Amino acid sequence: MWRHWLSLLIGIWLFLSPWVIDLASRTATTWNYVVMGILVFLLSIVELSGGGRRSAP
């Protein structure tokens, strides 16, 4: 469970990092970080909500 929370924080960091470490002037790099941050964040939310659970065979 803690891994999902860590992934959530990593997603937030990826989203904010272009502005924190002053990469915002590089458009392609900024978009890459923003899109990846959103994807990691959303996938973490799915996992935390239980959407990624598999049923036992």
C-alpha atoms as a PDB file:
ATOM      1  CA  MET A   1       0.000   0.000   0.000  1.00  0.00           C
ATOM      2  CA  TRP A   2       2.829   2.415   0.769  1.00  0.00           C
ATOM      3  CA  ARG A   3       4.140   1.917  -2.774  1.00  0.00           C
ATOM      4  CA  HIS A   4       0.934   3.340  -4.212  1.00  0.00           C
ATOM      5  CA  TRP A   5       1.237   6.427  -2.006  1.00  0.00           C
ATOM      6  CA  LEU A   6       4.865   6.808  -3.054  1.00  0.00           C
ATOM      7  CA  SER A   7       3.837   6.575  -6.724  1.00  0.00           C
ATOM      8  CA  LEU A   8       1.233   9.255  -6.095  1.00  0.00           C
ATOM      9  CA  LEU A   9       3.896  11.571  -4.675  1.00  0.00           C
ATOM     10  CA  ILE A  10       6.228  10.799  -7.577  1.00  0.00           C
ATOM     11  CA  GLY A  11       3.448  11.728 -10.005  1.00  0.00           C
ATOM     12  CA  ILE A  12       2.971  15.053  -8.239  1.00  0.00           C
ATOM     13  CA  TRP A  13       6.726  15.673  -8.282  1.00  0.00           C
ATOM     14  CA  LEU A  14       6.972  14.881 -11.989  1.00  0.00           C
ATOM     15  CA  PHE A  15       4.150  17.311 -12.701  1.00  0.00           C
ATOM     16  CA  LEU A  16       5.691  20.153 -10.666  1.00  0.00           C
ATOM     17  CA  SER A  17       9.384  19.546 -11.317  1.00  0.00           C
ATOM     18  CA  PRO A  18       9.784  21.582 -14.544  1.00  0.00           C
ATOM     19  CA  TRP A  19       8.905  24.726 -12.604  1.00  0.00           C
ATOM     20  CA  VAL A  20      10.774  23.758  -9.450  1.00  0.00           C
ATOM     21  CA  ILE A  21      14.061  23.015 -11.217  1.00  0.00           C
ATOM     22  CA  ASP A  22      13.549  25.740 -13.850  1.00  0.00           C
ATOM     23  CA  LEU A  23      13.019  23.619 -16.955  1.00  0.00           C
ATOM     24  CA  ALA A  24       9.831  25.425 -17.985  1.00  0.00           C
ATOM     25  CA  SER A  25      11.639  27.240 -20.795  1.00  0.00           C
ATOM     26  CA  ARG A  26      12.150  23.894 -22.555  1.00  0.00           C
ATOM     27  CA  THR A  27       8.709  23.214 -23.959  1.00  0.00           C
ATOM     28  CA  ALA A  28       9.147  19.563 -24.990  1.00  0.00           C
ATOM     29  CA  THR A  29      10.766  18.639 -21.692  1.00  0.00           C
ATOM     30  CA  THR A  30       8.047  20.392 -19.720  1.00  0.00           C
ATOM     31  CA  TRP A  31       5.287  18.592 -21.636  1.00  0.00           C
ATOM     32  CA  ASN A  32       7.018  15.260 -21.092  1.00  0.00           C
ATOM     33  CA  TYR A  33       7.190  15.787 -17.322  1.00  0.00           C
ATOM     34  CA  VAL A  34       3.620  17.079 -17.119  1.00  0.00           C
ATOM     35  CA  VAL A  35       2.104  14.217 -19.137  1.00  0.00           C
ATOM     36  CA  MET A  36       4.097  11.543 -17.317  1.00  0.00           C
ATOM     37  CA  GLY A  37       3.250  13.105 -13.958  1.00  0.00           C
ATOM     38  CA  ILE A  38      -0.461  13.054 -14.764  1.00  0.00           C
ATOM     39  CA  LEU A  39      -0.283   9.426 -15.943  1.00  0.00           C
ATOM     40  CA  VAL A  40       1.601   8.250 -12.853  1.00  0.00           C
ATOM     41  CA  PHE A  41      -0.779  10.207 -10.610  1.00  0.00           C
ATOM     42  CA  LEU A  42      -3.910   8.787 -12.256  1.00  0.00           C
ATOM     43  CA  LEU A  43      -2.610   5.219 -12.235  1.00  0.00           C
ATOM     44  CA  SER A  44      -1.759   5.593  -8.550  1.00  0.00           C
ATOM     45  CA  ILE A  45      -5.302   6.802  -7.841  1.00  0.00           C
ATOM     46  CA  VAL A  46      -6.689   3.744  -9.660  1.00  0.00           C
ATOM     47  CA  GLU A  47      -4.488   1.444  -7.597  1.00  0.00           C
ATOM     48  CA  LEU A  48      -5.385   3.177  -4.329  1.00  0.00           C
ATOM     49  CA  SER A  49      -9.097   2.935  -5.112  1.00  0.00           C
ATOM     50  CA  GLY A  50      -8.762  -0.808  -5.593  1.00  0.00           C
ATOM     51  CA  GLY A  51      -9.315  -0.747  -9.355  1.00  0.00           C
ATOM     52  CA  GLY A  52      -6.113  -2.629 -10.017  1.00  0.00           C
ATOM     53  CA  ARG A  53      -6.963  -5.644  -7.859  1.00  0.00           C
ATOM     54  CA  ARG A  54      -7.067  -9.018  -9.466  1.00  0.00           C
ATOM     55  CA  SER A  55      -9.397 -11.736  -8.364  1.00  0.00           C
ATOM     56  CA  ALA A  56      -7.916 -15.062  -7.391  1.00  0.00           C
ATOM     57  CA  PRO A  57      -8.459 -17.858  -9.947  1.00  0.00           C
END
